Amino acid sequence: MKVLLYSVLDKGPRTDALHRAILDKGYNATILETAGLRHIIEGLDGPHAALSLSDIAETPSEYAGSTTMFIILDEERLEELKDLIREHTGNFQDIHGAMYTIPIANYEGSF
């Protein structure tokens, strides 16, 4: 069975190293720059006050403080990937964030 691993991690050099390690282990991922709602709302003062949340969502890089990663993989490889993420994040103490998985009931594609 395929699963989707979803993670949100603070941006930075350690997160970049984790992404490289994930690639080096043969995983493929989609990574997006993201920002938490609180971070966006707290940043909405001054010239950005007139922006809507949908405007910000279209150009998140100015507000992004995190990365969101999606990886579709075989369930048999899940623990290996989770261990790699735990190792690089110091169990989410060195790099703050979280991860979770969702089983995929139906999958078609070439990942």
PDB file of N, CA and C in Angstrom:
ATOM      1  N   MET A   1       0.832  -1.169   0.000  1.00  0.00           N
ATOM      2  CA  MET A   1       0.000   0.000   0.000  1.00  0.00           C
ATOM      3  C   MET A   1       0.886   1.246   0.000  1.00  0.00           C
ATOM      4  N   LYS A   2       0.419   2.306  -0.648  1.00  0.00           N
ATOM      5  CA  LYS A   2       1.102   3.594  -0.652  1.00  0.00           C
ATOM      6  C   LYS A   2       0.579   4.434   0.515  1.00  0.00           C
ATOM      7  N   VAL A   3       1.457   5.294   1.019  1.00  0.00           N
ATOM      8  CA  VAL A   3       1.086   6.247   2.056  1.00  0.00           C
ATOM      9  C   VAL A   3       1.601   7.620   1.657  1.00  0.00           C
ATOM     10  N   LEU A   4       1.003   8.632   2.224  1.00  0.00           N
ATOM     11  CA  LEU A   4       1.450  10.000   2.037  1.00  0.00           C
ATOM     12  C   LEU A   4       2.029  10.471   3.350  1.00  0.00           C
ATOM     13  N   LEU A   5       3.306  10.843   3.331  1.00  0.00           N
ATOM     14  CA  LEU A   5       3.925  11.448   4.506  1.00  0.00           C
ATOM     15  C   LEU A   5       3.897  12.946   4.278  1.00  0.00           C
ATOM     16  N   TYR A   6       3.389  13.652   5.263  1.00  0.00           N
ATOM     17  CA  TYR A   6       3.245  15.095   5.217  1.00  0.00           C
ATOM     18  C   TYR A   6       4.062  15.656   6.367  1.00  0.00           C
ATOM     19  N   SER A   7       4.902  16.640   6.109  1.00  0.00           N
ATOM     20  CA  SER A   7       5.649  17.264   7.198  1.00  0.00           C
ATOM     21  C   SER A   7       5.708  18.764   6.990  1.00  0.00           C
ATOM     22  N   VAL A   8       5.749  19.473   8.107  1.00  0.00           N
ATOM     23  CA  VAL A   8       5.961  20.914   8.120  1.00  0.00           C
ATOM     24  C   VAL A   8       7.145  21.150   9.034  1.00  0.00           C
ATOM     25  N   LEU A   9       8.161  21.834   8.514  1.00  0.00           N
ATOM     26  CA  LEU A   9       9.388  22.082   9.268  1.00  0.00           C
ATOM     27  C   LEU A   9       9.816  23.537   9.113  1.00  0.00           C
ATOM     28  N   ASP A  10      10.423  24.094  10.170  1.00  0.00           N
ATOM     29  CA  ASP A  10      11.015  25.425  10.069  1.00  0.00           C
ATOM     30  C   ASP A  10      12.065  25.417   8.963  1.00  0.00           C
ATOM     31  N   LYS A  11      12.162  26.528   8.239  1.00  0.00           N
ATOM     32  CA  LYS A  11      13.176  26.662   7.194  1.00  0.00           C
ATOM     33  C   LYS A  11      14.535  26.916   7.815  1.00  0.00           C
ATOM     34  N   GLY A  12      15.574  26.521   7.094  1.00  0.00           N
ATOM     35  CA  GLY A  12      16.929  26.800   7.522  1.00  0.00           C
ATOM     36  C   GLY A  12      17.905  25.799   6.948  1.00  0.00           C
ATOM     37  N   PRO A  13      19.209  25.976   7.225  1.00  0.00           N
ATOM     38  CA  PRO A  13      20.236  25.088   6.671  1.00  0.00           C
ATOM     39  C   PRO A  13      20.051  23.627   7.088  1.00  0.00           C
ATOM     40  N   ARG A  14      19.613  23.385   8.307  1.00  0.00           N
ATOM     41  CA  ARG A  14      19.418  21.996   8.748  1.00  0.00           C
ATOM     42  C   ARG A  14      18.268  21.335   7.980  1.00  0.00           C
ATOM     43  N   THR A  15      17.241  22.096   7.705  1.00  0.00           N
ATOM     44  CA  THR A  15      16.126  21.558   6.918  1.00  0.00           C
ATOM     45  C   THR A  15      16.585  21.285   5.491  1.00  0.00           C
ATOM     46  N   ASP A  16      17.400  22.171   4.945  1.00  0.00           N
ATOM     47  CA  ASP A  16      17.959  21.942   3.609  1.00  0.00           C
ATOM     48  C   ASP A  16      18.778  20.651   3.585  1.00  0.00           C
ATOM     49  N   ALA A  17      19.561  20.409   4.632  1.00  0.00           N
ATOM     50  CA  ALA A  17      20.359  19.176   4.718  1.00  0.00           C
ATOM     51  C   ALA A  17      19.456  17.951   4.789  1.00  0.00           C
ATOM     52  N   LEU A  18      18.353  18.058   5.504  1.00  0.00           N
ATOM     53  CA  LEU A  18      17.391  16.948   5.562  1.00  0.00           C
ATOM     54  C   LEU A  18      16.816  16.673   4.182  1.00  0.00           C
ATOM     55  N   HIS A  19      16.428  17.717   3.473  1.00  0.00           N
ATOM     56  CA  HIS A  19      15.875  17.528   2.128  1.00  0.00           C
ATOM     57  C   HIS A  19      16.891  16.840   1.215  1.00  0.00           C
ATOM     58  N   ARG A  20      18.158  17.216   1.325  1.00  0.00           N
ATOM     59  CA  ARG A  20      19.213  16.575   0.533  1.00  0.00           C
ATOM     60  C   ARG A  20      19.335  15.101   0.914  1.00  0.00           C
ATOM     61  N   ALA A  21      19.298  14.791   2.201  1.00  0.00           N
ATOM     62  CA  ALA A  21      19.403  13.402   2.669  1.00  0.00           C
ATOM     63  C   ALA A  21      18.221  12.571   2.176  1.00  0.00           C
ATOM     64  N   ILE A  22      17.050  13.157   2.149  1.00  0.00           N
ATOM     65  CA  ILE A  22      15.857  12.461   1.643  1.00  0.00           C
ATOM     66  C   ILE A  22      16.053  12.121   0.168  1.00  0.00           C
ATOM     67  N   LEU A  23      16.528  13.079  -0.606  1.00  0.00           N
ATOM     68  CA  LEU A  23      16.800  12.844  -2.023  1.00  0.00           C
ATOM     69  C   LEU A  23      17.878  11.780  -2.205  1.00  0.00           C
ATOM     70  N   ASP A  24      18.949  11.865  -1.415  1.00  0.00           N
ATOM     71  CA  ASP A  24      20.050  10.910  -1.512  1.00  0.00           C
ATOM     72  C   ASP A  24      19.612   9.483  -1.191  1.00  0.00           C
ATOM     73  N   LYS A  25      18.578   9.330  -0.370  1.00  0.00           N
ATOM     74  CA  LYS A  25      18.054   7.997  -0.032  1.00  0.00           C
ATOM     75  C   LYS A  25      17.090   7.475  -1.086  1.00  0.00           C
ATOM     76  N   GLY A  26      16.849   8.256  -2.135  1.00  0.00           N
ATOM     77  CA  GLY A  26      16.026   7.789  -3.238  1.00  0.00           C
ATOM     78  C   GLY A  26      14.557   8.151  -3.157  1.00  0.00           C
ATOM     79  N   TYR A  27      14.189   9.029  -2.245  1.00  0.00           N
ATOM     80  CA  TYR A  27      12.799   9.475  -2.154  1.00  0.00           C
ATOM     81  C   TYR A  27      12.595  10.686  -3.052  1.00  0.00           C
ATOM     82  N   ASN A  28      11.380  10.867  -3.511  1.00  0.00           N
ATOM     83  CA  ASN A  28      11.016  12.052  -4.264  1.00  0.00           C
ATOM     84  C   ASN A  28       9.963  12.786  -3.449  1.00  0.00           C
ATOM     85  N   ALA A  29      10.022  14.091  -3.432  1.00  0.00           N
ATOM     86  CA  ALA A  29       9.096  14.861  -2.610  1.00  0.00           C
ATOM     87  C   ALA A  29       8.678  16.130  -3.341  1.00  0.00           C
ATOM     88  N   THR A  30       7.558  16.655  -2.930  1.00  0.00           N
ATOM     89  CA  THR A  30       7.131  17.981  -3.331  1.00  0.00           C
ATOM     90  C   THR A  30       7.289  18.865  -2.107  1.00  0.00           C
ATOM     91  N   ILE A  31       7.987  19.975  -2.262  1.00  0.00           N
ATOM     92  CA  ILE A  31       8.256  20.865  -1.139  1.00  0.00           C
ATOM     93  C   ILE A  31       7.749  22.258  -1.496  1.00  0.00           C
ATOM     94  N   LEU A  32       6.972  22.822  -0.599  1.00  0.00           N
ATOM     95  CA  LEU A  32       6.412  24.158  -0.775  1.00  0.00           C
ATOM     96  C   LEU A  32       6.867  25.058   0.362  1.00  0.00           C
ATOM     97  N   GLU A  33       7.120  26.321   0.054  1.00  0.00           N
ATOM     98  CA  GLU A  33       7.355  27.300   1.116  1.00  0.00           C
ATOM     99  C   GLU A  33       5.999  27.671   1.685  1.00  0.00           C
ATOM    100  N   THR A  34       5.876  27.635   3.010  1.00  0.00           N
ATOM    101  CA  THR A  34       4.600  27.909   3.650  1.00  0.00           C
ATOM    102  C   THR A  34       4.802  28.823   4.851  1.00  0.00           C
ATOM    103  N   ALA A  35       3.694  29.344   5.328  1.00  0.00           N
ATOM    104  CA  ALA A  35       3.704  30.193   6.516  1.00  0.00           C
ATOM    105  C   ALA A  35       2.486  29.855   7.357  1.00  0.00           C
ATOM    106  N   GLY A  36       2.677  29.863   8.657  1.00  0.00           N
ATOM    107  CA  GLY A  36       1.564  29.631   9.562  1.00  0.00           C
ATOM    108  C   GLY A  36       0.649  30.845   9.606  1.00  0.00           C
ATOM    109  N   LEU A  37      -0.610  30.609   9.869  1.00  0.00           N
ATOM    110  CA  LEU A  37      -1.590  31.679   9.897  1.00  0.00           C
ATOM    111  C   LEU A  37      -1.211  32.753  10.915  1.00  0.00           C
ATOM    112  N   ARG A  38      -0.750  32.351  12.093  1.00  0.00           N
ATOM    113  CA  ARG A  38      -0.365  33.319  13.115  1.00  0.00           C
ATOM    114  C   ARG A  38       0.779  34.196  12.613  1.00  0.00           C
ATOM    115  N   HIS A  39       1.765  33.582  11.950  1.00  0.00           N
ATOM    116  CA  HIS A  39       2.907  34.333  11.423  1.00  0.00           C
ATOM    117  C   HIS A  39       2.434  35.374  10.403  1.00  0.00           C
ATOM    118  N   ILE A  40       1.495  34.996   9.558  1.00  0.00           N
ATOM    119  CA  ILE A  40       0.984  35.914   8.537  1.00  0.00           C
ATOM    120  C   ILE A  40       0.202  37.049   9.187  1.00  0.00           C
ATOM    121  N   ILE A  41      -0.707  36.718  10.083  1.00  0.00           N
ATOM    122  CA  ILE A  41      -1.543  37.740  10.711  1.00  0.00           C
ATOM    123  C   ILE A  41      -0.687  38.723  11.510  1.00  0.00           C
ATOM    124  N   GLU A  42       0.284  38.206  12.250  1.00  0.00           N
ATOM    125  CA  GLU A  42       1.156  39.088  13.036  1.00  0.00           C
ATOM    126  C   GLU A  42       1.999  39.980  12.146  1.00  0.00           C
ATOM    127  N   GLY A  43       2.271  39.549  10.906  1.00  0.00           N
ATOM    128  CA  GLY A  43       3.066  40.341   9.979  1.00  0.00           C
ATOM    129  C   GLY A  43       2.258  41.345   9.179  1.00  0.00           C
ATOM    130  N   LEU A  44       0.935  41.341   9.362  1.00  0.00           N
ATOM    131  CA  LEU A  44       0.080  42.238   8.582  1.00  0.00           C
ATOM    132  C   LEU A  44      -0.042  43.610   9.244  1.00  0.00           C
ATOM    133  N   ASP A  45       1.027  44.357   9.214  1.00  0.00           N
ATOM    134  CA  ASP A  45       0.970  45.743   9.633  1.00  0.00           C
ATOM    135  C   ASP A  45       1.801  46.549   8.649  1.00  0.00           C
ATOM    136  N   GLY A  46       1.680  47.803   8.672  1.00  0.00           N
ATOM    137  CA  GLY A  46       2.406  48.635   7.719  1.00  0.00           C
ATOM    138  C   GLY A  46       1.860  48.471   6.317  1.00  0.00           C
ATOM    139  N   PRO A  47       2.742  48.388   5.307  1.00  0.00           N
ATOM    140  CA  PRO A  47       2.294  48.366   3.909  1.00  0.00           C
ATOM    141  C   PRO A  47       1.518  47.109   3.531  1.00  0.00           C
ATOM    142  N   HIS A  48       1.616  46.048   4.346  1.00  0.00           N
ATOM    143  CA  HIS A  48       0.921  44.808   4.014  1.00  0.00           C
ATOM    144  C   HIS A  48      -0.503  44.756   4.556  1.00  0.00           C
ATOM    145  N   ALA A  49      -0.920  45.763   5.307  1.00  0.00           N
ATOM    146  CA  ALA A  49      -2.212  45.722   5.981  1.00  0.00           C
ATOM    147  C   ALA A  49      -3.374  45.581   4.997  1.00  0.00           C
ATOM    148  N   ALA A  50      -3.227  46.070   3.787  1.00  0.00           N
ATOM    149  CA  ALA A  50      -4.319  46.008   2.817  1.00  0.00           C
ATOM    150  C   ALA A  50      -4.390  44.670   2.092  1.00  0.00           C
ATOM    151  N   LEU A  51      -3.396  43.807   2.259  1.00  0.00           N
ATOM    152  CA  LEU A  51      -3.397  42.520   1.571  1.00  0.00           C
ATOM    153  C   LEU A  51      -4.396  41.565   2.201  1.00  0.00           C
ATOM    154  N   SER A  52      -5.001  40.750   1.369  1.00  0.00           N
ATOM    155  CA  SER A  52      -5.871  39.699   1.884  1.00  0.00           C
ATOM    156  C   SER A  52      -5.043  38.435   2.074  1.00  0.00           C
ATOM    157  N   LEU A  53      -5.570  37.490   2.848  1.00  0.00           N
ATOM    158  CA  LEU A  53      -4.860  36.223   3.040  1.00  0.00           C
ATOM    159  C   LEU A  53      -4.694  35.485   1.721  1.00  0.00           C
ATOM    160  N   SER A  54      -5.651  35.606   0.808  1.00  0.00           N
ATOM    161  CA  SER A  54      -5.495  34.935  -0.488  1.00  0.00           C
ATOM    162  C   SER A  54      -4.370  35.562  -1.307  1.00  0.00           C
ATOM    163  N   ASP A  55      -4.170  36.880  -1.194  1.00  0.00           N
ATOM    164  CA  ASP A  55      -3.029  37.521  -1.870  1.00  0.00           C
ATOM    165  C   ASP A  55      -1.719  36.956  -1.331  1.00  0.00           C
ATOM    166  N   ILE A  56      -1.641  36.813  -0.021  1.00  0.00           N
ATOM    167  CA  ILE A  56      -0.436  36.297   0.614  1.00  0.00           C
ATOM    168  C   ILE A  56      -0.201  34.848   0.226  1.00  0.00           C
ATOM    169  N   ALA A  57      -1.264  34.070   0.151  1.00  0.00           N
ATOM    170  CA  ALA A  57      -1.134  32.653  -0.208  1.00  0.00           C
ATOM    171  C   ALA A  57      -0.564  32.484  -1.610  1.00  0.00           C
ATOM    172  N   GLU A  58      -0.839  33.440  -2.487  1.00  0.00           N
ATOM    173  CA  GLU A  58      -0.325  33.359  -3.850  1.00  0.00           C
ATOM    174  C   GLU A  58       1.163  33.677  -3.933  1.00  0.00           C
ATOM    175  N   THR A  59       1.696  34.422  -2.983  1.00  0.00           N
ATOM    176  CA  THR A  59       3.116  34.777  -2.961  1.00  0.00           C
ATOM    177  C   THR A  59       3.656  34.605  -1.545  1.00  0.00           C
ATOM    178  N   PRO A  60       3.766  33.351  -1.076  1.00  0.00           N
ATOM    179  CA  PRO A  60       4.108  33.120   0.325  1.00  0.00           C
ATOM    180  C   PRO A  60       5.572  33.343   0.676  1.00  0.00           C
ATOM    181  N   SER A  61       6.476  33.440  -0.300  1.00  0.00           N
ATOM    182  CA  SER A  61       7.906  33.454   0.029  1.00  0.00           C
ATOM    183  C   SER A  61       8.290  34.602   0.958  1.00  0.00           C
ATOM    184  N   GLU A  62       7.624  35.736   0.841  1.00  0.00           N
ATOM    185  CA  GLU A  62       7.937  36.865   1.712  1.00  0.00           C
ATOM    186  C   GLU A  62       7.554  36.570   3.164  1.00  0.00           C
ATOM    187  N   TYR A  63       6.557  35.705   3.362  1.00  0.00           N
ATOM    188  CA  TYR A  63       6.033  35.410   4.687  1.00  0.00           C
ATOM    189  C   TYR A  63       6.468  34.041   5.194  1.00  0.00           C
ATOM    190  N   ALA A  64       6.986  33.215   4.288  1.00  0.00           N
ATOM    191  CA  ALA A  64       7.259  31.816   4.608  1.00  0.00           C
ATOM    192  C   ALA A  64       8.344  31.673   5.658  1.00  0.00           C
ATOM    193  N   GLY A  65       8.049  30.878   6.647  1.00  0.00           N
ATOM    194  CA  GLY A  65       9.027  30.560   7.667  1.00  0.00           C
ATOM    195  C   GLY A  65       9.192  29.065   7.800  1.00  0.00           C
ATOM    196  N   SER A  66       8.494  28.341   6.924  1.00  0.00           N
ATOM    197  CA  SER A  66       8.540  26.883   7.014  1.00  0.00           C
ATOM    198  C   SER A  66       8.456  26.272   5.625  1.00  0.00           C
ATOM    199  N   THR A  67       8.692  24.969   5.590  1.00  0.00           N
ATOM    200  CA  THR A  67       8.502  24.205   4.362  1.00  0.00           C
ATOM    201  C   THR A  67       7.496  23.101   4.641  1.00  0.00           C
ATOM    202  N   THR A  68       6.647  22.853   3.679  1.00  0.00           N
ATOM    203  CA  THR A  68       5.704  21.751   3.754  1.00  0.00           C
ATOM    204  C   THR A  68       6.122  20.741   2.703  1.00  0.00           C
ATOM    205  N   MET A  69       6.263  19.491   3.119  1.00  0.00           N
ATOM    206  CA  MET A  69       6.764  18.437   2.241  1.00  0.00           C
ATOM    207  C   MET A  69       5.736  17.314   2.150  1.00  0.00           C
ATOM    208  N   PHE A  70       5.504  16.848   0.931  1.00  0.00           N
ATOM    209  CA  PHE A  70       4.627  15.717   0.666  1.00  0.00           C
ATOM    210  C   PHE A  70       5.459  14.632  -0.007  1.00  0.00           C
ATOM    211  N   ILE A  71       5.389  13.418   0.505  1.00  0.00           N
ATOM    212  CA  ILE A  71       6.096  12.297  -0.109  1.00  0.00           C
ATOM    213  C   ILE A  71       5.138  11.111  -0.187  1.00  0.00           C
ATOM    214  N   ILE A  72       4.959  10.587  -1.391  1.00  0.00           N
ATOM    215  CA  ILE A  72       4.207   9.346  -1.572  1.00  0.00           C
ATOM    216  C   ILE A  72       5.222   8.222  -1.632  1.00  0.00           C
ATOM    217  N   LEU A  73       5.009   7.201  -0.806  1.00  0.00           N
ATOM    218  CA  LEU A  73       5.963   6.105  -0.766  1.00  0.00           C
ATOM    219  C   LEU A  73       5.272   4.812  -0.381  1.00  0.00           C
ATOM    220  N   ASP A  74       5.982   3.698  -0.602  1.00  0.00           N
ATOM    221  CA  ASP A  74       5.476   2.398  -0.174  1.00  0.00           C
ATOM    222  C   ASP A  74       5.521   2.322   1.347  1.00  0.00           C
ATOM    223  N   GLU A  75       4.490   1.758   1.923  1.00  0.00           N
ATOM    224  CA  GLU A  75       4.391   1.665   3.374  1.00  0.00           C
ATOM    225  C   GLU A  75       5.597   0.965   3.990  1.00  0.00           C
ATOM    226  N   GLU A  76       6.206   0.024   3.262  1.00  0.00           N
ATOM    227  CA  GLU A  76       7.360  -0.714   3.765  1.00  0.00           C
ATOM    228  C   GLU A  76       8.564   0.191   4.026  1.00  0.00           C
ATOM    229  N   ARG A  77       8.637   1.331   3.354  1.00  0.00           N
ATOM    230  CA  ARG A  77       9.767   2.254   3.516  1.00  0.00           C
ATOM    231  C   ARG A  77       9.471   3.398   4.493  1.00  0.00           C
ATOM    232  N   LEU A  78       8.271   3.414   5.034  1.00  0.00           N
ATOM    233  CA  LEU A  78       7.839   4.526   5.867  1.00  0.00           C
ATOM    234  C   LEU A  78       8.697   4.709   7.110  1.00  0.00           C
ATOM    235  N   GLU A  79       8.960   3.638   7.849  1.00  0.00           N
ATOM    236  CA  GLU A  79       9.734   3.779   9.090  1.00  0.00           C
ATOM    237  C   GLU A  79      11.148   4.283   8.822  1.00  0.00           C
ATOM    238  N   GLU A  80      11.748   3.846   7.706  1.00  0.00           N
ATOM    239  CA  GLU A  80      13.076   4.338   7.341  1.00  0.00           C
ATOM    240  C   GLU A  80      13.057   5.852   7.139  1.00  0.00           C
ATOM    241  N   LEU A  81      12.052   6.341   6.436  1.00  0.00           N
ATOM    242  CA  LEU A  81      11.947   7.772   6.179  1.00  0.00           C
ATOM    243  C   LEU A  81      11.658   8.535   7.465  1.00  0.00           C
ATOM    244  N   LYS A  82      10.760   8.034   8.279  1.00  0.00           N
ATOM    245  CA  LYS A  82      10.454   8.700   9.546  1.00  0.00           C
ATOM    246  C   LYS A  82      11.686   8.762  10.447  1.00  0.00           C
ATOM    247  N   ASP A  83      12.466   7.682  10.475  1.00  0.00           N
ATOM    248  CA  ASP A  83      13.700   7.679  11.264  1.00  0.00           C
ATOM    249  C   ASP A  83      14.688   8.730  10.754  1.00  0.00           C
ATOM    250  N   LEU A  84      14.788   8.871   9.438  1.00  0.00           N
ATOM    251  CA  LEU A  84      15.670   9.870   8.835  1.00  0.00           C
ATOM    252  C   LEU A  84      15.236  11.280   9.245  1.00  0.00           C
ATOM    253  N   ILE A  85      13.947  11.540   9.206  1.00  0.00           N
ATOM    254  CA  ILE A  85      13.434  12.852   9.595  1.00  0.00           C
ATOM    255  C   ILE A  85      13.680  13.094  11.084  1.00  0.00           C
ATOM    256  N   ARG A  86      13.421  12.089  11.916  1.00  0.00           N
ATOM    257  CA  ARG A  86      13.671  12.230  13.360  1.00  0.00           C
ATOM    258  C   ARG A  86      15.149  12.528  13.638  1.00  0.00           C
ATOM    259  N   GLU A  87      16.018  11.817  12.927  1.00  0.00           N
ATOM    260  CA  GLU A  87      17.466  11.998  13.123  1.00  0.00           C
ATOM    261  C   GLU A  87      17.884  13.429  12.794  1.00  0.00           C
ATOM    262  N   HIS A  88      17.442  13.933  11.637  1.00  0.00           N
ATOM    263  CA  HIS A  88      17.852  15.270  11.200  1.00  0.00           C
ATOM    264  C   HIS A  88      17.193  16.389  11.986  1.00  0.00           C
ATOM    265  N   THR A  89      16.033  16.135  12.568  1.00  0.00           N
ATOM    266  CA  THR A  89      15.344  17.186  13.323  1.00  0.00           C
ATOM    267  C   THR A  89      15.637  17.104  14.816  1.00  0.00           C
ATOM    268  N   GLY A  90      16.395  16.075  15.251  1.00  0.00           N
ATOM    269  CA  GLY A  90      16.603  15.881  16.683  1.00  0.00           C
ATOM    270  C   GLY A  90      15.277  15.617  17.379  1.00  0.00           C
ATOM    271  N   ASN A  91      14.475  14.734  16.769  1.00  0.00           N
ATOM    272  CA  ASN A  91      13.114  14.465  17.257  1.00  0.00           C
ATOM    273  C   ASN A  91      12.310  15.756  17.401  1.00  0.00           C
ATOM    274  N   PHE A  92      12.457  16.633  16.425  1.00  0.00           N
ATOM    275  CA  PHE A  92      11.739  17.900  16.324  1.00  0.00           C
ATOM    276  C   PHE A  92      12.130  18.899  17.410  1.00  0.00           C
ATOM    277  N   GLN A  93      13.299  18.717  18.005  1.00  0.00           N
ATOM    278  CA  GLN A  93      13.818  19.689  18.966  1.00  0.00           C
ATOM    279  C   GLN A  93      14.789  20.657  18.294  1.00  0.00           C
ATOM    280  N   ASP A  94      15.616  20.168  17.367  1.00  0.00           N
ATOM    281  CA  ASP A  94      16.573  21.024  16.662  1.00  0.00           C
ATOM    282  C   ASP A  94      15.911  21.766  15.507  1.00  0.00           C
ATOM    283  N   ILE A  95      15.008  21.106  14.824  1.00  0.00           N
ATOM    284  CA  ILE A  95      14.185  21.721  13.786  1.00  0.00           C
ATOM    285  C   ILE A  95      12.743  21.522  14.250  1.00  0.00           C
ATOM    286  N   HIS A  96      12.057  22.607  14.510  1.00  0.00           N
ATOM    287  CA  HIS A  96      10.681  22.488  14.968  1.00  0.00           C
ATOM    288  C   HIS A  96       9.772  22.145  13.802  1.00  0.00           C
ATOM    289  N   GLY A  97       8.777  21.335  14.073  1.00  0.00           N
ATOM    290  CA  GLY A  97       7.833  20.946  13.054  1.00  0.00           C
ATOM    291  C   GLY A  97       7.073  19.708  13.476  1.00  0.00           C
ATOM    292  N   ALA A  98       6.527  19.038  12.487  1.00  0.00           N
ATOM    293  CA  ALA A  98       5.736  17.834  12.733  1.00  0.00           C
ATOM    294  C   ALA A  98       5.655  17.023  11.455  1.00  0.00           C
ATOM    295  N   MET A  99       5.253  15.766  11.611  1.00  0.00           N
ATOM    296  CA  MET A  99       4.987  14.920  10.448  1.00  0.00           C
ATOM    297  C   MET A  99       3.827  13.992  10.782  1.00  0.00           C
ATOM    298  N   TYR A 100       3.105  13.593   9.757  1.00  0.00           N
ATOM    299  CA  TYR A 100       2.082  12.566   9.910  1.00  0.00           C
ATOM    300  C   TYR A 100       1.894  11.875   8.576  1.00  0.00           C
ATOM    301  N   THR A 101       1.203  10.745   8.623  1.00  0.00           N
ATOM    302  CA  THR A 101       0.973   9.979   7.397  1.00  0.00           C
ATOM    303  C   THR A 101      -0.510   9.733   7.205  1.00  0.00           C
ATOM    304  N   ILE A 102      -0.853   9.549   5.949  1.00  0.00           N
ATOM    305  CA  ILE A 102      -2.221   9.244   5.555  1.00  0.00           C
ATOM    306  C   ILE A 102      -2.153   8.057   4.595  1.00  0.00           C
ATOM    307  N   PRO A 103      -2.917   6.992   4.858  1.00  0.00           N
ATOM    308  CA  PRO A 103      -2.950   5.891   3.894  1.00  0.00           C
ATOM    309  C   PRO A 103      -3.643   6.339   2.607  1.00  0.00           C
ATOM    310  N   ILE A 104      -3.145   5.852   1.501  1.00  0.00           N
ATOM    311  CA  ILE A 104      -3.723   6.181   0.203  1.00  0.00           C
ATOM    312  C   ILE A 104      -4.518   4.965  -0.279  1.00  0.00           C
ATOM    313  N   ALA A 105      -5.822   5.131  -0.368  1.00  0.00           N
ATOM    314  CA  ALA A 105      -6.700   4.026  -0.750  1.00  0.00           C
ATOM    315  C   ALA A 105      -6.566   3.684  -2.235  1.00  0.00           C
ATOM    316  N   ASN A 106      -6.322   4.679  -3.058  1.00  0.00           N
ATOM    317  CA  ASN A 106      -6.255   4.454  -4.495  1.00  0.00           C
ATOM    318  C   ASN A 106      -5.101   5.314  -5.027  1.00  0.00           C
ATOM    319  N   TYR A 107      -4.241   4.715  -5.822  1.00  0.00           N
ATOM    320  CA  TYR A 107      -3.075   5.438  -6.327  1.00  0.00           C
ATOM    321  C   TYR A 107      -2.809   5.047  -7.768  1.00  0.00           C
ATOM    322  N   GLU A 108      -2.580   6.045  -8.600  1.00  0.00           N
ATOM    323  CA  GLU A 108      -2.116   5.833  -9.964  1.00  0.00           C
ATOM    324  C   GLU A 108      -1.034   6.851 -10.239  1.00  0.00           C
ATOM    325  N   GLY A 109       0.015   6.464 -10.888  1.00  0.00           N
ATOM    326  CA  GLY A 109       1.069   7.416 -11.200  1.00  0.00           C
ATOM    327  C   GLY A 109       2.429   6.746 -11.201  1.00  0.00           C
ATOM    328  N   SER A 110       3.472   7.561 -11.239  1.00  0.00           N
ATOM    329  CA  SER A 110       4.821   7.011 -11.403  1.00  0.00           C
ATOM    330  C   SER A 110       5.789   7.426 -10.306  1.00  0.00           C
ATOM    331  N   PHE A 111       5.327   7.839  -9.137  1.00  0.00           N
ATOM    332  CA  PHE A 111       6.229   8.158  -8.034  1.00  0.00           C
ATOM    333  C   PHE A 111       6.841   6.884  -7.492  1.00  0.00           C
TER     334      PHE A 111
END
